[in-house]
Amino acid sequence: MFYLKTLEKDFMLEPKDLGPGLKETIKRRLTQMMEGTLEPDLGFVIALVGLDDQHIRPGRIEYETGQVEVWVKFTVMLFRPFRNEILDAQVTTVTDMGFFADAGPVQGIYVNKHQMPQDYGFDAQDNVWRTSDMEVEIRPGCGVRMRVVGVDITPGRMNVVGSIMDDYTGLISGETD
């Protein structure tokens, strides 16, 4: 789910950014560029956790623009759900085909009706998934625990499919909890 990874990146600095405090400018700029982004095959960058001064190479000046190309090596904390991992999420949308939930930066985790226990049925009037004994209701705003069935990372988006058919998965909190 959460892990650390060392990455390398080069980027351009404007001439106005050069001068005293250059290393702090590089750290600030790198943080702005990386945090909250989805890195292909790695996951969401949660935070920049390490950038040592020795991992910043001297820049190379572009003579046409005056910009400086800087190369850095740094460590980030990433969030990526893996297959068969257990994940807690908040239900956002309920449909007759299943429901969607969010877990941190992963938006729209889909749980299909075939990935729910057989005693769940959809109530179109109340827009909820309900067990046959009427004790459990999955509706927008409630918390669910699910097992990740599949993860697909495409440019700019992470698609996750979940299941609540396993033991100890399903509803963990109501919408008002």
Protein backbone atom coordinates (compact mmCIF):
# COMPACT_ATOMS: atom_id res chain seq x y z
CA MET A 1 0.00 0.00 0.00
CA PHE A 2 2.54 2.63 1.13
CA TYR A 3 6.19 2.30 0.20
CA LEU A 4 9.33 4.36 -0.39
CA LYS A 5 11.04 4.57 -3.76
CA THR A 6 14.13 6.42 -4.97
CA LEU A 7 13.56 8.26 -8.25
CA GLU A 8 15.65 10.41 -10.58
CA LYS A 9 14.36 13.42 -12.47
CA ASP A 10 15.68 16.33 -14.45
CA PHE A 11 13.77 19.58 -14.83
CA MET A 12 14.29 23.18 -15.90
CA LEU A 13 14.79 26.19 -13.62
CA GLU A 14 14.16 29.76 -14.72
CA PRO A 15 17.05 32.25 -14.41
CA LYS A 16 15.08 34.14 -11.74
CA ASP A 17 15.27 31.02 -9.51
CA LEU A 18 19.07 31.03 -9.49
CA GLY A 19 21.02 32.64 -6.66
CA PRO A 20 21.06 32.33 -2.87
CA GLY A 21 18.80 29.54 -1.61
CA LEU A 22 19.08 27.56 -4.86
CA LYS A 23 18.91 24.19 -3.09
CA GLU A 24 15.76 25.21 -1.21
CA THR A 25 14.26 26.41 -4.50
CA ILE A 26 15.04 23.04 -6.09
CA LYS A 27 13.42 21.18 -3.17
CA ARG A 28 10.32 23.41 -3.25
CA ARG A 29 9.97 23.09 -7.02
CA LEU A 30 10.43 19.30 -6.90
CA THR A 31 7.81 19.01 -4.15
CA GLN A 32 5.33 21.05 -6.22
CA MET A 33 6.00 18.93 -9.31
CA MET A 34 5.81 15.52 -7.65
CA GLU A 35 3.38 15.50 -4.72
CA GLY A 36 -0.13 14.43 -5.67
CA THR A 37 0.85 13.05 -9.06
CA LEU A 38 0.33 9.55 -10.43
CA GLU A 39 3.59 7.95 -11.52
CA PRO A 40 3.10 5.21 -14.13
CA ASP A 41 3.60 1.69 -12.72
CA LEU A 42 4.41 3.12 -9.26
CA GLY A 43 1.29 4.78 -7.85
CA PHE A 44 0.39 8.11 -6.29
CA VAL A 45 3.19 10.26 -4.89
CA ILE A 46 2.11 11.15 -1.35
CA ALA A 47 5.18 13.07 -0.18
CA LEU A 48 8.77 13.91 -0.97
CA VAL A 49 10.62 12.41 1.99
CA GLY A 50 14.27 12.67 1.06
CA LEU A 51 16.51 14.88 -1.05
CA ASP A 52 20.14 15.18 -0.01
CA ASP A 53 22.28 18.02 -1.30
CA GLN A 54 24.78 15.49 -2.64
CA HIS A 55 22.07 14.10 -4.96
CA ILE A 56 21.68 17.40 -6.82
CA ARG A 57 24.04 17.52 -9.80
CA PRO A 58 25.40 20.84 -11.08
CA GLY A 59 23.02 22.31 -13.65
CA ARG A 60 23.52 22.69 -17.38
CA ILE A 61 22.66 26.06 -18.93
CA GLU A 62 20.52 26.23 -22.05
CA TYR A 63 22.03 29.07 -24.03
CA GLU A 64 18.88 29.92 -26.01
CA THR A 65 16.63 30.49 -22.97
CA GLY A 66 18.97 30.92 -20.02
CA GLN A 67 17.18 28.12 -18.19
CA VAL A 68 19.18 25.61 -16.18
CA GLU A 69 18.59 21.87 -16.47
CA VAL A 70 18.93 20.29 -13.02
CA TRP A 71 19.19 16.55 -12.28
CA VAL A 72 18.16 15.26 -8.85
CA LYS A 73 17.86 11.91 -7.10
CA PHE A 74 15.23 11.81 -4.35
CA THR A 75 12.99 9.53 -2.28
CA VAL A 76 9.20 9.66 -2.33
CA MET A 77 6.42 7.92 -0.40
CA LEU A 78 4.01 6.22 -2.78
CA PHE A 79 0.50 4.83 -2.37
CA ARG A 80 -0.49 1.93 -4.60
CA PRO A 81 -2.95 -0.82 -3.81
CA PHE A 82 -1.75 -4.27 -4.82
CA ARG A 83 -3.83 -7.26 -5.85
CA ASN A 84 -5.26 -9.24 -2.88
CA GLU A 85 -4.54 -6.39 -0.47
CA ILE A 86 -7.24 -5.35 2.01
CA LEU A 87 -8.33 -1.72 1.71
CA ASP A 88 -10.75 0.50 3.64
CA ALA A 89 -12.74 2.93 1.52
CA GLN A 90 -15.73 5.27 1.62
CA VAL A 91 -18.67 4.57 -0.68
CA THR A 92 -19.40 7.47 -3.04
CA THR A 93 -21.92 6.12 -5.55
CA VAL A 94 -24.35 3.19 -5.54
CA THR A 95 -25.84 1.77 -8.75
CA ASP A 96 -27.80 -1.34 -9.66
CA MET A 97 -24.56 -2.89 -11.00
CA GLY A 98 -22.49 -2.33 -7.83
CA PHE A 99 -20.91 0.62 -6.06
CA PHE A 100 -17.93 2.97 -6.25
CA ALA A 101 -15.72 3.95 -3.33
CA ASP A 102 -12.71 6.19 -2.64
CA ALA A 103 -9.61 5.27 -0.63
CA GLY A 104 -7.27 8.23 -0.25
CA PRO A 105 -6.05 9.35 -3.67
CA VAL A 106 -7.61 6.33 -5.42
CA GLN A 107 -10.97 7.51 -6.70
CA GLY A 108 -13.76 5.30 -8.02
CA ILE A 109 -12.84 1.82 -6.79
CA TYR A 110 -15.50 -0.38 -8.38
CA VAL A 111 -17.17 -3.29 -6.61
CA ASN A 112 -19.41 -5.20 -9.02
CA LYS A 113 -22.55 -6.98 -7.79
CA HIS A 114 -20.83 -10.28 -8.65
CA GLN A 115 -18.10 -9.37 -6.13
CA MET A 116 -20.66 -9.15 -3.29
CA PRO A 117 -22.16 -12.00 -1.25
CA GLN A 118 -25.27 -13.53 -2.84
CA ASP A 119 -27.59 -12.34 -0.07
CA TYR A 120 -27.08 -8.69 -1.13
CA GLY A 121 -29.77 -7.15 -3.30
CA PHE A 122 -30.19 -3.70 -4.80
CA ASP A 123 -33.05 -1.55 -3.51
CA ALA A 124 -33.72 1.02 -6.24
CA GLN A 125 -36.16 3.00 -4.11
CA ASP A 126 -33.61 3.70 -1.34
CA ASN A 127 -30.58 3.42 -3.68
CA VAL A 128 -28.76 0.94 -1.39
CA TRP A 129 -27.34 -2.56 -1.48
CA ARG A 130 -29.03 -4.47 1.33
CA THR A 131 -28.70 -7.97 2.75
CA SER A 132 -31.76 -10.23 2.64
CA ASP A 133 -32.10 -10.05 6.45
CA MET A 134 -32.20 -6.20 6.16
CA GLU A 135 -29.36 -5.81 8.69
CA VAL A 136 -26.61 -4.44 6.44
CA GLU A 137 -26.99 -1.52 4.02
CA ILE A 138 -24.30 -0.15 1.74
CA ARG A 139 -25.09 3.41 0.74
CA PRO A 140 -23.11 6.55 -0.16
CA GLY A 141 -21.08 7.80 2.79
CA CYS A 142 -20.57 4.47 4.55
CA GLY A 143 -17.21 2.77 5.05
CA VAL A 144 -16.39 -0.60 3.54
CA ARG A 145 -13.46 -2.98 3.80
CA MET A 146 -12.62 -4.75 0.55
CA ARG A 147 -10.05 -6.98 -1.07
CA VAL A 148 -8.39 -5.56 -4.17
CA VAL A 149 -9.14 -7.85 -7.11
CA GLY A 150 -7.40 -5.89 -9.85
CA VAL A 151 -5.34 -2.74 -10.44
CA ASP A 152 -4.74 -1.05 -13.79
CA ILE A 153 -2.65 2.11 -14.03
CA THR A 154 -3.15 4.10 -17.21
CA PRO A 155 -1.70 7.55 -17.89
CA GLY A 156 -3.34 9.91 -15.41
CA ARG A 157 -5.68 7.35 -13.84
CA MET A 158 -5.62 4.32 -11.57
CA ASN A 159 -8.48 1.85 -11.99
CA VAL A 160 -9.11 -0.50 -9.08
CA VAL A 161 -11.67 -3.31 -8.76
CA GLY A 162 -12.62 -4.62 -5.33
CA SER A 163 -14.53 -7.47 -3.72
CA ILE A 164 -16.47 -7.78 -0.45
CA MET A 165 -17.03 -11.55 -0.69
CA ASP A 166 -14.24 -12.54 1.72
CA ASP A 167 -14.43 -13.00 5.48
CA TYR A 168 -14.15 -9.75 7.44
CA THR A 169 -14.87 -7.58 4.39
CA GLY A 170 -17.96 -5.49 3.76
CA LEU A 171 -19.59 -2.72 5.75
CA ILE A 172 -17.40 -1.33 8.56
CA SER A 173 -19.18 1.94 9.34
CA GLY A 174 -22.52 3.55 8.61
CA GLU A 175 -22.91 6.85 6.78
CA THR A 176 -23.29 8.83 10.02
CA ASP A 177 -20.32 7.24 11.84
